[in-house]
Protein backbone atom coordinates (compact mmCIF):
# COMPACT_ATOMS: atom_id res chain seq x y z
CA MET A 1 2.90 -21.38 -13.60
CA ARG A 2 -0.67 -22.69 -13.33
CA ALA A 3 -3.35 -20.58 -11.76
CA LEU A 4 -3.63 -22.92 -8.72
CA ASP A 5 0.04 -22.43 -7.84
CA VAL A 6 -0.92 -18.99 -6.77
CA PRO A 7 -2.13 -18.93 -3.08
CA LEU A 8 -5.76 -18.34 -2.67
CA ALA A 9 -5.28 -16.07 0.32
CA ARG A 10 -2.35 -14.68 2.11
CA SER A 11 -3.57 -15.38 5.55
CA TRP A 12 -6.06 -17.41 7.42
CA GLU A 13 -7.94 -14.10 8.03
CA GLU A 14 -8.22 -13.61 4.18
CA LEU A 15 -9.20 -17.16 3.70
CA LEU A 16 -12.04 -16.88 6.17
CA GLU A 17 -13.44 -13.85 4.25
CA LEU A 18 -13.77 -15.61 0.97
CA PRO A 19 -17.03 -17.29 0.02
CA ALA A 20 -17.05 -20.96 1.16
CA VAL A 21 -17.88 -22.19 -2.35
CA LEU A 22 -14.77 -20.53 -3.90
CA VAL A 23 -12.59 -22.19 -1.11
CA GLN A 24 -14.28 -25.51 -1.65
CA ASP A 25 -13.85 -25.40 -5.51
CA TYR A 26 -10.29 -24.29 -5.15
CA LEU A 27 -9.48 -27.25 -2.82
CA ILE A 28 -11.34 -29.70 -5.16
CA MET A 29 -9.38 -28.58 -8.20
CA LYS A 30 -6.05 -28.50 -6.31
CA THR A 31 -6.68 -32.09 -5.10
CA ALA A 32 -7.63 -33.15 -8.66
CA ILE A 33 -4.28 -31.73 -9.99
CA VAL A 34 -2.20 -33.31 -7.31
CA ASP A 35 -4.00 -36.66 -7.92
CA ALA A 36 -3.44 -36.49 -11.62
CA GLU A 37 0.25 -35.72 -11.16
CA ALA A 38 0.67 -38.57 -8.80
CA TRP A 39 -1.01 -40.97 -11.26
CA LYS A 40 1.22 -39.78 -14.20
CA ARG A 41 4.28 -40.26 -11.93
CA LEU A 42 3.15 -43.73 -11.10
CA ASP A 43 2.47 -44.56 -14.78
CA ASP A 44 5.89 -43.25 -15.92
CA GLU A 45 7.58 -45.33 -13.26
CA ARG A 46 5.71 -48.47 -14.40
CA ASN A 47 6.54 -47.64 -17.95
CA SER A 48 10.27 -47.00 -17.41
CA SER A 49 10.73 -50.22 -15.36
CA GLY A 50 9.03 -52.47 -17.81
């Protein structure tokens, strides 16, 4: 399991107590991982069809 699969906070109240920079960095990394996985799936689909 990747570290980012673990929730950053259990509730909105906990999330609001975290430093904004930490939340921002978490969201940027999470987005980058999702984007990378989407591109990999797209490449895999292209390679398997051709």
